[in-house]
Amino acid sequence: MSEVVEKAILTHLSSGADAKIDDTFVWAAANKLDHNAVVGSVKSLLVDAYVSAEELFTSFYTLSKEAQDVVENGSQEMRVLAALVESGEGLSMPDLQAKVGKNVCKIGMGNCMKNKWAKKDGDKLVALKTLEEVADETKDKLKALQDADGNPEGIMSDKEVTMLKKRKLVSLVKRNSFAVTRGEHYAPNRVKKAADLTKEMLDSGAWKTTPFKPYNFLTVGEKVGGGYLHPLLKVRAEFRKILMQMGFQEMPTNKWVESSFWNFDSLFQPQSHPARDAHDTFFIKEPAATVSVPEDYYERVKEMHEKGGSGSIGYRYDFKREEAFKNLLRTHTTAVSSQMLYKLANQPGGFKPARYFSIDRVFRNETMDATHLCEFHQVEGLVADYNLSLGDLIGTIETFFKKIGITQLRFKPAFNPYTEPSMEIFGYHPDLKKWTEIGNSGMFRPEMLAPMGLPENVRVIAWGLSLERPTMIKYRIKNIRDLFGHKVEMARTRTAPICRFEEA
């Protein structure tokens, strides 16, 4: 469409050296073209100086639908007067409405009485004038305005125009158009200038004759922005730094798919536990089962589940291989911790005390709310050493959380299949004004450690928390979906304040 309109403008201007378009609105109507399209083409041609244009500002009045009816059938007051004159003795309000219509009656009666063309006589309205004694000025003014293309100059006073506007018979329209003449680089046909030098131009040699748009080498280019760290990654980097300062080394957690054996069985979690249900865990359809696990370790885990050991009687059920070999999206990074402890117990030279941590993604089939997602990041730390106690665990947790700026902590006894004793960790959220669960902790049970081959007096203390909740507390975020997931505002990575942690 734009090319057709552009061609029509250039063709019109090519009819003579003095050819011009006095008003694009009038010209567009005469050539049955959309005026907006004409204006767009004129502005485009102005860029390359094919045309010169002067903007025109025009205002005029248009008649409403009611005014069109007045021009055709007379004003409401004249129609009411005609009905009263025709009746001779006047009409009651219901009879007048029936004769001329409710809306005409309402407007016309008021104007008749205002002009003293009629008066009330009891319950009737009677005429005071004949049709020959009055003129339908409203109709005449509207007809004259229509014939003058909406220009009231010389036809009626400003007061009369205001009266018509008050009756909502006319409205003012403002229109912008252009007067168009030939420009400095006018040509009957437009050749668009190229914006870029292309490989095809270089290959064919077309660049020698192709007109190019002028380049402004002094123009300041678009500001180049660097990458921004998401608040989660900022806090993750701080957590890693703090944990490494505390003497922990990072575990390899780049494998999201684990077997049920490492995720559940090696942690002494029974195969009938509700957490192993599809309502809580995402199981993998293909491949559905893992290839292998260490067979000697598998047999010791199986025996611990079925018969017990290390002072335990076990769970007393038939341990199923097919259940242990099921693949799933790991529900916690403790699946990696169990593998690291197994390697620690069976490394050359025997067991040596160690501190491990991990920060990576885990998956739970949970209902999403302000503090829960089905996919989140877990921070986990563990210490394996001789004769550790619950006091060592509490001290380590308090040291860690103090370093990340959460000083208000509470511990609540809890149950975990693989830790005893176990504690839930609560932190106070200053904006939500409530204590929020931010982690879990405990000492790994002997039933979990003994099959791995760890010495009898070795204890393992561990704790885990999500990365999201401490970040929410630190950045004053009330809904986890504003931090992680598809509803996150991308600008937050640029506008989020710097996360600071006080040193101990």
Protein backbone atom coordinates (compact mmCIF):
# COMPACT_ATOMS: atom_id res chain seq x y z
CA MET A 1 0.00 0.00 0.00
CA SER A 2 2.78 2.46 0.95
CA GLU A 3 4.57 1.91 -2.38
CA VAL A 4 1.34 2.58 -4.29
CA VAL A 5 0.70 5.83 -2.38
CA GLU A 6 4.34 6.92 -2.74
CA LYS A 7 4.19 6.33 -6.48
CA ALA A 8 0.93 8.30 -6.75
CA ILE A 9 2.49 11.33 -4.99
CA LEU A 10 5.60 11.33 -7.20
CA THR A 11 3.52 10.88 -10.35
CA HIS A 12 1.31 13.84 -9.41
CA LEU A 13 4.37 16.04 -8.80
CA SER A 14 5.89 14.97 -12.15
CA SER A 15 2.99 16.54 -14.10
CA GLY A 16 4.83 19.87 -14.20
CA ALA A 17 7.58 21.93 -12.62
CA ASP A 18 5.00 23.80 -10.55
CA ALA A 19 2.94 20.75 -9.67
CA LYS A 20 2.03 20.54 -6.01
CA ILE A 21 -0.45 19.16 -3.52
CA ASP A 22 -2.20 22.04 -1.76
CA ASP A 23 -3.69 19.85 0.97
CA THR A 24 -2.99 16.15 1.37
CA PHE A 25 -6.39 15.59 2.98
CA VAL A 26 -8.29 17.00 0.00
CA TRP A 27 -5.95 15.29 -2.44
CA ALA A 28 -6.28 11.92 -0.68
CA ALA A 29 -10.08 12.16 -0.78
CA ALA A 30 -10.05 13.09 -4.49
CA ASN A 31 -7.80 10.11 -5.29
CA LYS A 32 -9.64 7.73 -2.92
CA LEU A 33 -6.54 7.12 -0.79
CA ASP A 34 -6.24 6.77 2.96
CA HIS A 35 -5.00 10.09 4.35
CA ASN A 36 -2.87 8.42 7.05
CA ALA A 37 -1.10 6.40 4.36
CA VAL A 38 -0.51 9.58 2.34
CA VAL A 39 0.96 11.37 5.37
CA GLY A 40 3.21 8.38 6.09
CA SER A 41 4.54 8.37 2.53
CA VAL A 42 5.14 12.14 2.58
CA LYS A 43 7.20 11.81 5.78
CA SER A 44 9.18 8.94 4.25
CA LEU A 45 9.90 10.95 1.07
CA LEU A 46 10.98 13.92 3.20
CA VAL A 47 13.87 11.88 4.62
CA ASP A 48 15.58 11.65 1.20
CA ALA A 49 14.43 15.17 0.13
CA TYR A 50 12.24 13.85 -2.69
CA VAL A 51 9.58 16.31 -1.54
CA SER A 52 9.25 19.45 0.55
CA ALA A 53 6.26 19.79 2.81
CA GLU A 54 4.61 22.40 4.97
CA GLU A 55 2.38 21.20 7.76
CA LEU A 56 -1.17 22.55 7.71
CA PHE A 57 -3.42 22.85 10.73
CA THR A 58 -7.13 22.92 9.98
CA SER A 59 -10.11 23.01 12.31
CA PHE A 60 -13.77 22.65 11.32
CA TYR A 61 -17.09 21.60 12.76
CA THR A 62 -18.89 18.37 11.98
CA LEU A 63 -22.59 17.71 12.44
CA SER A 64 -23.75 15.01 14.84
CA LYS A 65 -26.30 12.38 13.90
CA GLU A 66 -28.97 14.42 15.67
CA ALA A 67 -27.94 17.53 13.68
CA GLN A 68 -28.26 15.58 10.41
CA ASP A 69 -31.81 14.73 11.45
CA VAL A 70 -32.51 18.43 12.15
CA VAL A 71 -31.25 19.40 8.67
CA GLU A 72 -33.55 16.82 7.07
CA ASN A 73 -36.71 17.11 9.24
CA GLY A 74 -36.45 20.43 11.07
CA SER A 75 -35.50 21.26 14.65
CA GLN A 76 -37.24 19.65 17.62
CA GLU A 77 -38.84 22.96 18.65
CA MET A 78 -40.26 23.51 15.14
CA ARG A 79 -41.71 19.99 15.09
CA VAL A 80 -43.33 20.48 18.49
CA LEU A 81 -44.81 23.83 17.37
CA ALA A 82 -46.15 22.26 14.19
CA ALA A 83 -47.89 19.53 16.23
CA LEU A 84 -49.43 22.10 18.62
CA VAL A 85 -50.64 24.31 15.73
CA GLU A 86 -52.12 21.30 13.97
CA SER A 87 -54.07 20.25 17.10
CA GLY A 88 -55.63 23.72 17.47
CA GLU A 89 -56.47 23.38 21.18
CA GLY A 90 -53.05 22.19 22.36
CA LEU A 91 -51.88 18.76 23.46
CA SER A 92 -51.28 17.00 26.75
CA MET A 93 -47.81 15.69 27.40
CA PRO A 94 -48.67 12.03 26.63
CA ASP A 95 -50.42 13.06 23.38
CA LEU A 96 -47.50 15.27 22.35
CA GLN A 97 -45.00 12.47 23.03
CA ALA A 98 -47.13 10.07 20.99
CA LYS A 99 -47.22 12.53 18.09
CA VAL A 100 -43.57 13.67 17.82
CA GLY A 101 -41.68 11.14 19.94
CA LYS A 102 -40.40 11.26 23.50
CA ASN A 103 -36.95 12.67 22.78
CA VAL A 104 -38.18 15.33 20.33
CA CYS A 105 -40.89 16.32 22.81
CA LYS A 106 -38.41 16.71 25.68
CA ILE A 107 -36.00 18.96 23.74
CA GLY A 108 -38.54 20.79 21.58
CA MET A 109 -40.97 21.67 24.41
CA GLY A 110 -38.20 23.37 26.44
CA ASN A 111 -37.01 25.42 23.47
CA CYS A 112 -40.58 26.35 22.48
CA MET A 113 -41.29 27.74 25.94
CA LYS A 114 -37.86 29.44 26.07
CA ASN A 115 -38.56 31.16 22.72
CA LYS A 116 -42.15 31.94 23.88
CA TRP A 117 -43.63 29.94 21.05
CA ALA A 118 -45.83 27.97 23.44
CA LYS A 119 -47.08 27.96 27.02
CA LYS A 120 -48.62 25.65 29.59
CA ASP A 121 -52.40 25.81 29.93
CA GLY A 122 -53.48 23.40 32.63
CA ASP A 123 -52.32 19.96 31.67
CA LYS A 124 -51.86 20.99 28.04
CA LEU A 125 -49.21 22.78 26.01
CA VAL A 126 -50.73 25.32 23.57
CA ALA A 127 -49.11 27.28 20.71
CA LEU A 128 -48.56 31.05 20.97
CA LYS A 129 -47.17 31.43 17.45
CA THR A 130 -48.08 30.18 14.00
CA LEU A 131 -45.54 28.50 11.72
CA GLU A 132 -45.48 31.61 9.51
CA GLU A 133 -44.48 33.83 12.43
CA VAL A 134 -41.27 31.95 13.30
CA ALA A 135 -38.17 30.74 11.49
CA ASP A 136 -36.32 27.49 12.08
CA GLU A 137 -32.99 29.16 12.85
CA THR A 138 -31.37 25.98 14.20
CA LYS A 139 -32.00 24.11 10.94
CA ASP A 140 -30.86 27.08 8.85
CA LYS A 141 -27.60 27.48 10.80
CA LEU A 142 -26.75 23.79 10.62
CA LYS A 143 -27.52 23.69 6.87
CA ALA A 144 -25.31 26.73 6.26
CA LEU A 145 -22.49 25.22 8.33
CA GLN A 146 -22.76 21.96 6.41
CA ASP A 147 -22.61 23.79 3.06
CA ALA A 148 -19.52 25.72 4.25
CA ASP A 149 -17.66 22.47 5.01
CA GLY A 150 -17.80 23.14 8.73
CA ASN A 151 -16.32 26.64 8.63
CA PRO A 152 -18.57 29.01 10.67
CA GLU A 153 -16.68 32.18 9.70
CA GLY A 154 -19.07 34.73 8.20
CA ILE A 155 -22.07 32.47 8.81
CA MET A 156 -22.69 32.72 12.55
CA SER A 157 -21.26 34.29 15.66
CA ASP A 158 -19.16 32.54 18.29
CA LYS A 159 -22.17 32.70 20.63
CA GLU A 160 -24.32 30.84 18.13
CA VAL A 161 -21.62 28.21 17.59
CA THR A 162 -21.35 27.77 21.36
CA MET A 163 -25.11 27.21 21.57
CA LEU A 164 -24.96 24.49 18.91
CA LYS A 165 -22.05 22.84 20.73
CA LYS A 166 -23.97 23.01 24.01
CA ARG A 167 -26.87 21.19 22.36
CA LYS A 168 -24.29 18.63 21.09
CA LEU A 169 -25.32 19.27 17.50
CA VAL A 170 -21.77 20.09 16.34
CA SER A 171 -18.24 19.22 17.47
CA LEU A 172 -14.87 20.74 16.62
CA VAL A 173 -12.43 18.57 14.66
CA LYS A 174 -8.74 19.41 14.32
CA ARG A 175 -6.88 17.99 11.35
CA ASN A 176 -3.20 18.02 10.42
CA SER A 177 -2.27 17.73 6.76
CA PHE A 178 0.54 18.86 4.44
CA ALA A 179 1.11 21.09 1.46
CA VAL A 180 3.60 19.19 -0.73
CA THR A 181 5.99 20.39 -3.45
CA ARG A 182 9.04 18.94 -5.16
CA GLY A 183 12.11 18.50 -3.00
CA GLU A 184 15.81 19.05 -3.65
CA HIS A 185 16.35 15.47 -4.83
CA TYR A 186 13.00 14.99 -6.52
CA ALA A 187 12.74 12.22 -9.12
CA PRO A 188 9.67 10.54 -10.64
CA ASN A 189 10.82 7.21 -9.24
CA ARG A 190 12.31 6.74 -5.82
CA VAL A 191 15.50 4.76 -5.39
CA LYS A 192 15.87 3.79 -1.76
CA LYS A 193 19.33 4.22 -0.31
CA ALA A 194 21.08 1.22 1.20
CA ALA A 195 21.86 1.32 4.89
CA ASP A 196 24.58 -1.35 4.96
CA LEU A 197 27.33 -2.68 2.78
CA THR A 198 26.62 -6.37 2.16
CA LYS A 199 28.68 -9.30 0.94
CA GLU A 200 26.46 -9.57 -2.13
CA MET A 201 27.25 -5.93 -3.08
CA LEU A 202 30.95 -6.61 -2.77
CA ASP A 203 30.74 -9.83 -4.82
CA SER A 204 28.72 -8.25 -7.64
CA GLY A 205 30.32 -4.81 -7.61
CA ALA A 206 26.92 -3.19 -7.03
CA TRP A 207 28.41 -1.12 -4.20
CA LYS A 208 30.01 1.17 -6.80
CA THR A 209 26.67 2.48 -8.05
CA THR A 210 24.40 1.88 -5.03
CA PRO A 211 23.40 5.08 -3.20
CA PHE A 212 24.00 4.82 0.55
CA LYS A 213 22.43 6.63 3.43
CA PRO A 214 24.89 9.12 4.97
CA TYR A 215 26.73 7.85 8.03
CA ASN A 216 27.12 10.09 11.05
CA PHE A 217 30.42 9.02 12.53
CA LEU A 218 30.05 11.49 15.41
CA THR A 219 26.85 9.91 16.72
CA VAL A 220 27.24 8.22 20.09
CA GLY A 221 26.30 4.57 19.75
CA GLU A 222 24.00 2.56 21.94
CA LYS A 223 25.48 1.99 25.38
CA VAL A 224 26.93 -1.49 25.59
CA GLY A 225 25.71 -3.24 28.71
CA GLY A 226 27.60 -6.01 30.38
CA GLY A 227 26.16 -9.12 31.93
CA TYR A 228 24.44 -8.96 35.31
CA LEU A 229 24.35 -11.58 38.01
CA HIS A 230 20.94 -12.75 39.17
CA PRO A 231 20.39 -12.23 42.94
CA LEU A 232 20.48 -16.01 43.40
CA LEU A 233 23.89 -16.20 41.77
CA LYS A 234 25.16 -13.30 43.88
CA VAL A 235 24.14 -15.07 47.08
CA ARG A 236 25.43 -18.39 45.73
CA ALA A 237 28.86 -16.82 45.14
CA GLU A 238 28.89 -15.42 48.68
CA PHE A 239 27.85 -18.78 50.16
CA ARG A 240 30.63 -20.57 48.29
CA LYS A 241 33.16 -18.02 49.51
CA ILE A 242 31.99 -18.33 53.12
CA LEU A 243 31.97 -22.14 53.08
CA MET A 244 35.44 -22.28 51.55
CA GLN A 245 36.66 -19.86 54.24
CA MET A 246 35.24 -22.30 56.80
CA GLY A 247 37.42 -25.08 55.32
CA PHE A 248 34.81 -26.86 53.16
CA GLN A 249 35.52 -28.21 49.70
CA GLU A 250 32.85 -28.36 46.97
CA MET A 251 31.30 -31.65 45.89
CA PRO A 252 30.63 -32.44 42.18
CA THR A 253 26.87 -31.99 41.74
CA ASN A 254 26.49 -31.61 37.97
CA LYS A 255 24.40 -34.81 37.61
CA TRP A 256 20.71 -34.06 38.16
CA VAL A 257 19.46 -37.60 37.47
CA GLU A 258 20.20 -40.09 40.24
CA SER A 259 19.19 -43.63 41.05
CA SER A 260 16.81 -44.32 43.91
CA PHE A 261 19.67 -46.28 45.49
CA TRP A 262 21.86 -43.21 46.03
CA ASN A 263 18.96 -40.81 46.55
CA PHE A 264 17.04 -42.94 49.09
CA ASP A 265 18.41 -46.43 49.89
CA SER A 266 21.96 -45.44 50.80
CA LEU A 267 20.46 -42.89 53.21
CA PHE A 268 18.60 -45.66 55.06
CA GLN A 269 15.26 -44.36 53.78
CA PRO A 270 12.78 -47.26 53.49
CA GLN A 271 11.40 -48.20 50.09
CA SER A 272 7.88 -47.71 51.43
CA HIS A 273 8.56 -44.10 52.49
CA PRO A 274 5.93 -41.57 51.19
CA ALA A 275 8.69 -39.36 49.73
CA ARG A 276 9.33 -42.09 47.13
CA ASP A 277 5.82 -41.73 45.74
CA ALA A 278 5.25 -40.13 42.34
CA HIS A 279 3.29 -37.36 44.06
CA ASP A 280 6.51 -36.20 45.73
CA THR A 281 9.25 -37.27 43.32
CA PHE A 282 9.80 -36.87 39.56
CA PHE A 283 10.68 -40.32 38.21
CA ILE A 284 12.41 -40.68 34.83
CA LYS A 285 10.54 -42.52 32.09
CA GLU A 286 13.53 -43.09 29.76
CA PRO A 287 15.93 -44.48 30.88
CA ALA A 288 13.80 -45.75 33.74
CA ALA A 289 16.56 -47.63 35.55
CA THR A 290 20.24 -47.11 36.31
CA VAL A 291 22.87 -49.47 34.91
CA SER A 292 24.79 -50.40 38.05
CA VAL A 293 25.77 -49.56 41.63
CA PRO A 294 28.70 -50.94 43.70
CA GLU A 295 27.50 -54.50 44.30
CA ASP A 296 29.28 -55.11 47.62
CA TYR A 297 27.93 -51.84 48.98
CA TYR A 298 24.47 -52.62 47.58
CA GLU A 299 24.42 -55.93 49.49
CA ARG A 300 25.42 -54.24 52.76
CA VAL A 301 22.70 -51.58 52.32
CA LYS A 302 20.15 -54.29 51.50
CA GLU A 303 21.09 -56.24 54.64
CA MET A 304 20.85 -53.10 56.81
CA HIS A 305 17.32 -52.42 55.47
CA GLU A 306 16.15 -56.02 55.86
CA LYS A 307 17.92 -57.19 59.03
CA GLY A 308 19.61 -54.16 60.59
CA GLY A 309 23.01 -53.78 62.25
CA SER A 310 25.02 -51.37 64.41
CA GLY A 311 22.39 -51.68 67.11
CA SER A 312 19.45 -51.41 64.71
CA ILE A 313 16.89 -54.07 63.75
CA GLY A 314 16.38 -52.53 60.28
CA TYR A 315 12.99 -52.14 58.64
CA ARG A 316 12.16 -55.87 58.37
CA TYR A 317 10.93 -55.94 54.77
CA ASP A 318 12.03 -57.44 51.46
CA PHE A 319 14.43 -55.00 49.81
CA LYS A 320 13.64 -54.81 46.05
CA ARG A 321 16.38 -54.33 43.49
CA GLU A 322 14.02 -52.89 40.85
CA GLU A 323 12.93 -50.19 43.30
CA ALA A 324 16.52 -49.28 44.14
CA PHE A 325 17.49 -49.01 40.46
CA LYS A 326 14.72 -46.54 39.47
CA ASN A 327 15.98 -43.26 38.00
CA LEU A 328 14.67 -39.92 39.23
CA LEU A 329 15.40 -36.21 39.36
CA ARG A 330 17.29 -35.94 42.61
CA THR A 331 15.17 -34.67 45.49
CA HIS A 332 18.21 -33.46 47.47
CA THR A 333 21.95 -33.09 47.01
CA THR A 334 22.35 -35.56 49.90
CA ALA A 335 22.40 -38.16 47.11
CA VAL A 336 25.81 -36.74 46.22
CA SER A 337 26.83 -36.57 49.89
CA SER A 338 26.22 -40.32 50.27
CA GLN A 339 28.47 -41.03 47.28
CA MET A 340 31.22 -38.75 48.64
CA LEU A 341 31.07 -40.45 52.06
CA TYR A 342 31.28 -43.87 50.37
CA LYS A 343 34.40 -42.74 48.46
CA LEU A 344 35.83 -41.19 51.64
CA ALA A 345 35.46 -44.50 53.49
CA ASN A 346 37.03 -46.54 50.69
CA GLN A 347 39.83 -44.24 49.53
CA PRO A 348 43.44 -45.47 49.52
CA GLY A 349 44.98 -44.98 52.94
CA GLY A 350 41.64 -45.21 54.73
CA PHE A 351 39.35 -42.58 56.19
CA LYS A 352 40.51 -39.00 56.72
CA PRO A 353 38.34 -36.22 58.25
CA ALA A 354 36.75 -33.98 55.62
CA ARG A 355 34.33 -31.10 55.15
CA TYR A 356 32.17 -31.00 52.01
CA PHE A 357 29.54 -28.64 50.65
CA SER A 358 27.38 -28.34 47.54
CA ILE A 359 25.03 -25.71 46.05
CA ASP A 360 22.94 -27.01 43.19
CA ARG A 361 19.46 -27.67 41.87
CA VAL A 362 17.02 -30.25 43.24
CA PHE A 363 13.47 -31.20 42.29
CA ARG A 364 10.36 -31.91 44.36
CA ASN A 365 6.84 -32.55 43.09
CA GLU A 366 5.32 -29.87 45.35
CA THR A 367 2.43 -27.43 45.08
CA MET A 368 3.80 -23.96 44.37
CA ASP A 369 3.09 -21.11 46.80
CA ALA A 370 4.83 -17.99 48.10
CA THR A 371 7.69 -20.00 49.63
CA HIS A 372 7.75 -23.27 47.63
CA LEU A 373 8.67 -24.24 44.08
CA CYS A 374 8.97 -27.67 42.52
CA GLU A 375 12.50 -26.77 41.41
CA PHE A 376 14.95 -24.97 43.66
CA HIS A 377 18.56 -24.81 44.81
CA GLN A 378 19.81 -26.65 47.88
CA VAL A 379 22.81 -25.64 49.94
CA GLU A 380 24.27 -28.59 51.83
CA GLY A 381 27.23 -28.94 54.13
CA LEU A 382 28.64 -31.94 56.01
CA VAL A 383 31.53 -32.60 58.34
CA ALA A 384 32.93 -36.14 58.81
CA ASP A 385 35.26 -36.53 61.77
CA TYR A 386 35.85 -38.58 64.91
CA ASN A 387 33.52 -38.21 67.91
CA LEU A 388 31.46 -35.23 66.67
CA SER A 389 28.44 -34.16 68.74
CA LEU A 390 25.21 -32.18 68.38
CA GLY A 391 27.04 -29.20 69.86
CA ASP A 392 29.47 -29.25 66.94
CA LEU A 393 26.50 -29.23 64.53
CA ILE A 394 24.78 -26.26 66.23
CA GLY A 395 28.04 -24.31 66.40
CA THR A 396 28.80 -24.91 62.71
CA ILE A 397 25.27 -23.88 61.66
CA GLU A 398 25.33 -20.72 63.79
CA THR A 399 28.74 -19.75 62.39
CA PHE A 400 27.52 -20.20 58.82
CA PHE A 401 24.27 -18.31 59.24
CA LYS A 402 25.92 -15.49 61.15
CA LYS A 403 28.31 -15.00 58.24
CA ILE A 404 25.39 -14.71 55.79
CA GLY A 405 23.65 -12.15 58.01
CA ILE A 406 20.92 -14.25 59.64
CA THR A 407 21.47 -14.00 63.37
CA GLN A 408 18.00 -14.85 64.70
CA LEU A 409 17.89 -18.65 64.65
CA ARG A 410 15.76 -21.28 66.31
CA PHE A 411 16.13 -25.07 66.31
CA LYS A 412 13.22 -27.47 66.53
CA PRO A 413 13.46 -31.25 66.99
CA ALA A 414 12.47 -33.12 63.84
CA PHE A 415 12.51 -36.55 62.23
CA ASN A 416 14.55 -37.59 59.19
CA PRO A 417 15.01 -41.19 58.04
CA TYR A 418 18.79 -40.76 57.79
CA THR A 419 19.63 -38.42 60.71
CA GLU A 420 19.23 -38.85 64.45
CA PRO A 421 19.03 -36.51 66.26
CA SER A 422 17.48 -34.15 63.68
CA MET A 423 16.68 -30.43 63.85
CA GLU A 424 14.74 -28.01 61.70
CA ILE A 425 16.32 -24.55 61.40
CA PHE A 426 14.11 -21.45 61.53
CA GLY A 427 15.13 -17.87 60.71
CA TYR A 428 13.15 -14.72 61.45
CA HIS A 429 11.92 -12.87 58.32
CA PRO A 430 11.82 -9.13 59.22
CA ASP A 431 9.30 -8.24 56.47
CA LEU A 432 6.97 -11.22 56.76
CA LYS A 433 7.18 -10.73 60.54
CA LYS A 434 7.34 -14.45 61.18
CA TRP A 435 9.74 -17.33 61.69
CA THR A 436 10.38 -19.14 58.41
CA GLU A 437 11.85 -22.62 58.04
CA ILE A 438 15.17 -22.15 56.26
CA GLY A 439 16.88 -25.50 56.69
CA ASN A 440 17.16 -28.97 58.14
CA SER A 441 20.01 -30.65 59.96
CA GLY A 442 21.09 -33.67 61.92
CA MET A 443 23.71 -36.35 62.53
CA PHE A 444 23.78 -39.19 60.01
CA ARG A 445 22.56 -42.45 61.52
CA PRO A 446 24.92 -45.42 62.07
CA GLU A 447 22.63 -47.49 59.78
CA MET A 448 23.65 -45.15 56.95
CA LEU A 449 27.36 -44.87 57.79
CA ALA A 450 28.18 -48.49 58.74
CA PRO A 451 27.50 -50.04 55.28
CA MET A 452 29.83 -47.45 53.73
CA GLY A 453 32.74 -48.83 55.76
CA LEU A 454 33.40 -45.75 57.91
CA PRO A 455 35.13 -46.39 61.29
CA GLU A 456 32.71 -46.93 64.15
CA ASN A 457 33.67 -43.76 66.06
CA VAL A 458 33.31 -41.49 62.98
CA ARG A 459 30.33 -39.15 63.12
CA VAL A 460 28.91 -37.06 60.29
CA ILE A 461 27.03 -33.86 60.99
CA ALA A 462 25.10 -32.24 58.12
CA TRP A 463 22.69 -29.46 57.34
CA GLY A 464 20.81 -28.31 54.27
CA LEU A 465 18.85 -25.25 53.24
CA SER A 466 17.46 -23.76 50.08
CA LEU A 467 19.32 -20.95 48.34
CA GLU A 468 16.06 -19.14 47.60
CA ARG A 469 14.79 -18.47 51.14
CA PRO A 470 17.93 -16.77 52.52
CA THR A 471 18.02 -14.73 49.30
CA MET A 472 14.38 -13.71 49.84
CA ILE A 473 15.16 -12.61 53.39
CA LYS A 474 18.27 -10.73 52.29
CA TYR A 475 16.59 -8.94 49.36
CA ARG A 476 13.20 -8.43 51.08
CA ILE A 477 11.34 -10.57 48.53
CA LYS A 478 7.97 -11.87 49.75
CA ASN A 479 7.11 -14.28 46.92
CA ILE A 480 9.59 -16.87 45.65
CA ARG A 481 8.07 -16.62 42.15
CA ASP A 482 9.43 -13.06 41.95
CA LEU A 483 12.92 -14.50 42.41
CA PHE A 484 13.01 -17.76 40.48
CA GLY A 485 10.95 -18.99 37.55
CA HIS A 486 9.22 -17.69 34.43
CA LYS A 487 7.54 -14.74 36.20
CA VAL A 488 10.82 -13.10 37.23
CA GLU A 489 11.28 -9.51 36.07
CA MET A 490 14.46 -9.54 34.00
CA ALA A 491 15.31 -5.96 34.99
CA ARG A 492 15.79 -7.17 38.57
CA THR A 493 19.25 -8.48 37.62
CA ARG A 494 20.27 -4.88 36.87
CA THR A 495 18.40 -3.08 39.63
CA ALA A 496 18.90 -5.48 42.54
CA PRO A 497 21.02 -3.89 45.31
CA ILE A 498 24.44 -5.28 46.09
CA CYS A 499 24.21 -8.13 48.61
CA ARG A 500 26.51 -7.42 51.53
CA PHE A 501 27.51 -9.81 54.30
CA GLU A 502 29.09 -8.72 57.55
CA GLU A 503 32.25 -10.50 58.56
CA ALA A 504 32.40 -12.15 61.97
